[in-house]
Amino acid sequence: IGVNSTLGYEVLARNKNRVVLFDSRGKYCGIPFDTFGFPLEIGSAGPFWTNEVTENEFKRLMSGLIDSSDEQWIEFTDPIVKKLVFFDNNNSLLREVIK
């Protein structure tokens, strides 16, 4: 469970654990475009994220986190994660650039 952050995105990219993200900085700190998934145009809430920090949203996300099977979790995270982040094992792409 975390806020919209690079650490949360890294966990998503590695697909090692389940993570849900709450994004409050955009709304509560007045940072424009600071919402989950930016620059993708996705909804303000989904199966593992929300841009609204409320008790109902917390309960909804925790229910999905706890009640979904591993297969269901991958099914609803993969379409977003594959468009949003990429896990480059051993930083092979970076190594090519800095040679």
N, C-alpha and C. Protein backbone atom coordinates (compact mmCIF):
# COMPACT_ATOMS: atom_id res chain seq x y z
N ILE A 1 0.86 -1.16 0.00
CA ILE A 1 0.00 0.00 0.00
C ILE A 1 0.90 1.22 0.00
N GLY A 2 0.66 2.14 -0.89
CA GLY A 2 1.51 3.32 -0.93
C GLY A 2 0.85 4.46 -1.67
N VAL A 3 1.58 5.55 -1.69
CA VAL A 3 1.14 6.69 -2.48
C VAL A 3 1.71 6.52 -3.89
N ASN A 4 1.22 7.31 -4.79
CA ASN A 4 1.73 7.31 -6.15
C ASN A 4 3.19 7.72 -6.11
N SER A 5 4.09 6.76 -6.35
CA SER A 5 5.51 7.05 -6.20
C SER A 5 6.32 6.14 -7.12
N THR A 6 7.58 6.48 -7.30
CA THR A 6 8.44 5.64 -8.13
C THR A 6 8.60 4.26 -7.50
N LEU A 7 8.62 4.17 -6.18
CA LEU A 7 8.73 2.87 -5.53
C LEU A 7 7.50 2.01 -5.84
N GLY A 8 6.32 2.60 -5.78
CA GLY A 8 5.11 1.87 -6.12
C GLY A 8 5.12 1.39 -7.56
N TYR A 9 5.58 2.24 -8.47
CA TYR A 9 5.67 1.86 -9.88
C TYR A 9 6.68 0.73 -10.07
N GLU A 10 7.77 0.77 -9.33
CA GLU A 10 8.78 -0.29 -9.45
C GLU A 10 8.20 -1.63 -8.99
N VAL A 11 7.45 -1.62 -7.91
CA VAL A 11 6.82 -2.86 -7.45
C VAL A 11 5.86 -3.38 -8.52
N LEU A 12 5.11 -2.47 -9.13
CA LEU A 12 4.21 -2.88 -10.22
C LEU A 12 5.00 -3.50 -11.37
N ALA A 13 6.08 -2.87 -11.76
CA ALA A 13 6.87 -3.35 -12.90
C ALA A 13 7.46 -4.72 -12.63
N ARG A 14 7.89 -4.95 -11.42
CA ARG A 14 8.50 -6.24 -11.07
C ARG A 14 7.46 -7.34 -10.91
N ASN A 15 6.21 -6.95 -10.71
CA ASN A 15 5.11 -7.90 -10.54
C ASN A 15 5.44 -8.95 -9.48
N LYS A 16 6.14 -8.53 -8.43
CA LYS A 16 6.53 -9.45 -7.36
C LYS A 16 5.46 -9.52 -6.27
N ASN A 17 4.87 -8.41 -5.98
CA ASN A 17 3.87 -8.32 -4.92
C ASN A 17 2.70 -7.50 -5.41
N ARG A 18 1.66 -7.59 -4.69
CA ARG A 18 0.51 -6.76 -5.00
C ARG A 18 0.71 -5.39 -4.38
N VAL A 19 0.28 -4.37 -5.07
CA VAL A 19 0.41 -3.01 -4.55
C VAL A 19 -0.83 -2.23 -4.95
N VAL A 20 -1.31 -1.43 -4.03
CA VAL A 20 -2.37 -0.48 -4.35
C VAL A 20 -1.82 0.90 -4.07
N LEU A 21 -2.21 1.84 -4.93
CA LEU A 21 -1.66 3.18 -4.83
C LEU A 21 -2.77 4.20 -4.61
N PHE A 22 -2.52 5.06 -3.65
CA PHE A 22 -3.40 6.18 -3.36
C PHE A 22 -2.68 7.43 -3.80
N ASP A 23 -3.28 8.20 -4.66
CA ASP A 23 -2.65 9.43 -5.09
C ASP A 23 -3.37 10.61 -4.48
N SER A 24 -2.70 11.27 -3.59
CA SER A 24 -3.31 12.42 -2.93
C SER A 24 -2.55 13.71 -3.22
N ARG A 25 -1.34 13.61 -3.76
CA ARG A 25 -0.55 14.82 -3.96
C ARG A 25 -1.16 15.77 -4.96
N GLY A 26 -1.70 15.24 -6.05
CA GLY A 26 -2.29 16.10 -7.06
C GLY A 26 -3.42 16.95 -6.50
N LYS A 27 -4.30 16.30 -5.78
CA LYS A 27 -5.47 16.99 -5.24
C LYS A 27 -5.13 17.84 -4.02
N TYR A 28 -4.41 17.27 -3.08
CA TYR A 28 -4.21 17.94 -1.80
C TYR A 28 -3.00 18.86 -1.76
N CYS A 29 -2.07 18.69 -2.68
CA CYS A 29 -0.89 19.56 -2.71
C CYS A 29 -0.92 20.51 -3.90
N GLY A 30 -1.94 20.40 -4.73
CA GLY A 30 -2.08 21.30 -5.86
C GLY A 30 -1.04 21.08 -6.95
N ILE A 31 -0.59 19.85 -7.11
CA ILE A 31 0.39 19.54 -8.14
C ILE A 31 -0.38 19.06 -9.38
N PRO A 32 -0.39 19.87 -10.43
CA PRO A 32 -1.16 19.47 -11.61
C PRO A 32 -0.60 18.21 -12.25
N PHE A 33 -1.47 17.41 -12.78
CA PHE A 33 -1.14 16.19 -13.50
C PHE A 33 -0.47 15.13 -12.63
N ASP A 34 -0.50 15.28 -11.33
CA ASP A 34 0.09 14.26 -10.46
C ASP A 34 -1.00 13.28 -10.06
N THR A 35 -1.33 12.42 -10.99
CA THR A 35 -2.33 11.38 -10.75
C THR A 35 -1.74 10.05 -11.19
N PHE A 36 -2.28 8.98 -10.69
CA PHE A 36 -1.77 7.68 -11.06
C PHE A 36 -1.86 7.49 -12.57
N GLY A 37 -0.78 6.98 -13.14
CA GLY A 37 -0.78 6.64 -14.54
C GLY A 37 -0.41 7.74 -15.51
N PHE A 38 -0.22 8.97 -15.01
CA PHE A 38 0.14 10.05 -15.92
C PHE A 38 1.42 9.69 -16.64
N PRO A 39 1.50 9.83 -17.92
CA PRO A 39 0.64 10.58 -18.84
C PRO A 39 -0.45 9.75 -19.50
N LEU A 40 -0.63 8.49 -19.11
CA LEU A 40 -1.75 7.73 -19.67
C LEU A 40 -3.05 8.40 -19.29
N GLU A 41 -4.01 8.29 -20.14
CA GLU A 41 -5.34 8.82 -19.82
C GLU A 41 -6.20 7.67 -19.34
N ILE A 42 -6.17 7.47 -18.03
CA ILE A 42 -6.96 6.41 -17.41
C ILE A 42 -7.87 7.06 -16.37
N GLY A 43 -8.81 6.31 -15.90
CA GLY A 43 -9.76 6.85 -14.94
C GLY A 43 -9.12 7.23 -13.62
N SER A 44 -9.85 7.95 -12.83
CA SER A 44 -9.33 8.39 -11.53
C SER A 44 -9.32 7.27 -10.50
N ALA A 45 -9.94 6.14 -10.83
CA ALA A 45 -9.92 4.98 -9.94
C ALA A 45 -9.96 3.72 -10.78
N GLY A 46 -9.29 2.70 -10.28
CA GLY A 46 -9.26 1.41 -10.97
C GLY A 46 -9.08 0.31 -9.96
N PRO A 47 -8.81 -0.89 -10.41
CA PRO A 47 -8.75 -2.03 -9.50
C PRO A 47 -7.63 -1.97 -8.47
N PHE A 48 -6.58 -1.18 -8.74
CA PHE A 48 -5.48 -1.10 -7.78
C PHE A 48 -5.00 0.31 -7.53
N TRP A 49 -5.76 1.29 -7.92
CA TRP A 49 -5.39 2.68 -7.66
C TRP A 49 -6.62 3.55 -7.48
N THR A 50 -6.38 4.70 -6.87
CA THR A 50 -7.42 5.71 -6.74
C THR A 50 -6.76 7.07 -6.58
N ASN A 51 -7.43 8.08 -7.06
CA ASN A 51 -6.98 9.46 -6.85
C ASN A 51 -7.82 10.13 -5.77
N GLU A 52 -8.70 9.37 -5.16
CA GLU A 52 -9.54 9.88 -4.07
C GLU A 52 -9.21 9.12 -2.79
N VAL A 53 -8.80 9.82 -1.80
CA VAL A 53 -8.46 9.19 -0.53
C VAL A 53 -9.68 9.31 0.40
N THR A 54 -10.49 8.25 0.38
CA THR A 54 -11.68 8.20 1.22
C THR A 54 -11.75 6.82 1.87
N GLU A 55 -12.55 6.71 2.87
CA GLU A 55 -12.71 5.42 3.54
C GLU A 55 -13.29 4.38 2.59
N ASN A 56 -14.27 4.78 1.78
CA ASN A 56 -14.88 3.84 0.84
C ASN A 56 -13.87 3.34 -0.19
N GLU A 57 -13.04 4.23 -0.69
CA GLU A 57 -12.02 3.83 -1.66
C GLU A 57 -10.99 2.91 -1.01
N PHE A 58 -10.62 3.20 0.22
CA PHE A 58 -9.70 2.33 0.94
C PHE A 58 -10.28 0.93 1.06
N LYS A 59 -11.53 0.83 1.48
CA LYS A 59 -12.18 -0.47 1.63
C LYS A 59 -12.27 -1.20 0.30
N ARG A 60 -12.60 -0.47 -0.77
CA ARG A 60 -12.71 -1.08 -2.09
C ARG A 60 -11.37 -1.67 -2.54
N LEU A 61 -10.31 -0.89 -2.39
CA LEU A 61 -8.99 -1.36 -2.82
C LEU A 61 -8.49 -2.51 -1.95
N MET A 62 -8.72 -2.44 -0.66
CA MET A 62 -8.28 -3.53 0.22
C MET A 62 -9.04 -4.81 -0.09
N SER A 63 -10.30 -4.69 -0.42
CA SER A 63 -11.09 -5.87 -0.78
C SER A 63 -10.51 -6.53 -2.03
N GLY A 64 -10.19 -5.73 -3.04
CA GLY A 64 -9.59 -6.28 -4.26
C GLY A 64 -8.23 -6.88 -4.00
N LEU A 65 -7.46 -6.24 -3.15
CA LEU A 65 -6.12 -6.70 -2.81
C LEU A 65 -6.17 -8.07 -2.12
N ILE A 66 -7.10 -8.22 -1.21
CA ILE A 66 -7.19 -9.43 -0.39
C ILE A 66 -7.98 -10.54 -1.07
N ASP A 67 -9.08 -10.17 -1.73
CA ASP A 67 -10.01 -11.18 -2.23
C ASP A 67 -9.71 -11.73 -3.62
N SER A 68 -8.91 -11.04 -4.40
CA SER A 68 -8.66 -11.52 -5.77
C SER A 68 -7.58 -12.59 -5.78
N SER A 69 -7.72 -13.52 -6.71
CA SER A 69 -6.71 -14.56 -6.87
C SER A 69 -5.49 -13.95 -7.58
N ASP A 70 -4.39 -14.67 -7.59
CA ASP A 70 -3.20 -14.20 -8.29
C ASP A 70 -3.49 -14.01 -9.77
N GLU A 71 -4.26 -14.92 -10.35
CA GLU A 71 -4.61 -14.82 -11.77
C GLU A 71 -5.46 -13.58 -12.03
N GLN A 72 -6.44 -13.33 -11.17
CA GLN A 72 -7.28 -12.14 -11.33
C GLN A 72 -6.45 -10.87 -11.18
N TRP A 73 -5.54 -10.87 -10.22
CA TRP A 73 -4.69 -9.70 -9.99
C TRP A 73 -3.89 -9.37 -11.25
N ILE A 74 -3.27 -10.37 -11.83
CA ILE A 74 -2.47 -10.16 -13.04
C ILE A 74 -3.37 -9.71 -14.20
N GLU A 75 -4.56 -10.29 -14.27
CA GLU A 75 -5.49 -9.94 -15.34
C GLU A 75 -5.87 -8.46 -15.31
N PHE A 76 -6.08 -7.89 -14.14
CA PHE A 76 -6.47 -6.48 -14.14
C PHE A 76 -5.31 -5.52 -13.96
N THR A 77 -4.12 -5.98 -13.61
CA THR A 77 -2.98 -5.06 -13.53
C THR A 77 -2.19 -5.02 -14.83
N ASP A 78 -2.03 -6.15 -15.49
CA ASP A 78 -1.18 -6.20 -16.69
C ASP A 78 -1.51 -5.17 -17.77
N PRO A 79 -2.77 -4.99 -18.15
CA PRO A 79 -3.04 -4.03 -19.22
C PRO A 79 -2.53 -2.61 -18.92
N ILE A 80 -2.62 -2.19 -17.67
CA ILE A 80 -2.15 -0.86 -17.30
C ILE A 80 -0.64 -0.86 -17.12
N VAL A 81 -0.13 -1.83 -16.40
CA VAL A 81 1.29 -1.87 -16.07
C VAL A 81 2.14 -1.94 -17.34
N LYS A 82 1.73 -2.75 -18.30
CA LYS A 82 2.52 -2.89 -19.53
C LYS A 82 2.58 -1.60 -20.34
N LYS A 83 1.61 -0.73 -20.19
CA LYS A 83 1.63 0.56 -20.88
C LYS A 83 2.40 1.61 -20.08
N LEU A 84 2.55 1.39 -18.81
CA LEU A 84 3.03 2.42 -17.91
C LEU A 84 4.49 2.27 -17.52
N VAL A 85 4.92 1.06 -17.21
CA VAL A 85 6.28 0.85 -16.70
C VAL A 85 6.88 -0.39 -17.35
N PHE A 86 8.19 -0.47 -17.27
CA PHE A 86 8.91 -1.59 -17.86
C PHE A 86 10.03 -1.98 -16.92
N PHE A 87 10.13 -3.25 -16.61
CA PHE A 87 11.21 -3.73 -15.76
C PHE A 87 12.32 -4.26 -16.64
N ASP A 88 13.45 -3.62 -16.58
CA ASP A 88 14.62 -3.99 -17.38
C ASP A 88 15.62 -4.67 -16.45
N ASN A 89 15.54 -5.99 -16.41
CA ASN A 89 16.42 -6.75 -15.54
C ASN A 89 17.89 -6.45 -15.88
N ASN A 90 18.69 -6.19 -14.87
CA ASN A 90 20.11 -5.86 -15.01
C ASN A 90 20.36 -4.54 -15.74
N ASN A 91 19.35 -3.73 -15.92
CA ASN A 91 19.50 -2.42 -16.58
C ASN A 91 20.18 -2.54 -17.94
N SER A 92 19.81 -3.52 -18.72
CA SER A 92 20.47 -3.75 -20.01
C SER A 92 20.31 -2.57 -20.97
N LEU A 93 19.14 -1.92 -20.96
CA LEU A 93 18.95 -0.77 -21.84
C LEU A 93 19.85 0.40 -21.44
N LEU A 94 19.95 0.67 -20.16
CA LEU A 94 20.82 1.73 -19.68
C LEU A 94 22.27 1.42 -19.97
N ARG A 95 22.67 0.19 -19.79
CA ARG A 95 24.06 -0.20 -20.05
C ARG A 95 24.44 0.03 -21.50
N GLU A 96 23.50 -0.19 -22.41
CA GLU A 96 23.78 0.06 -23.84
C GLU A 96 24.00 1.55 -24.10
N VAL A 97 23.26 2.40 -23.43
CA VAL A 97 23.37 3.84 -23.63
C VAL A 97 24.67 4.39 -23.08
N ILE A 98 25.13 3.89 -21.95
CA ILE A 98 26.32 4.46 -21.30
C ILE A 98 27.63 3.78 -21.70
N LYS A 99 27.61 2.89 -22.66
CA LYS A 99 28.86 2.24 -23.11
C LYS A 99 29.83 3.25 -23.65
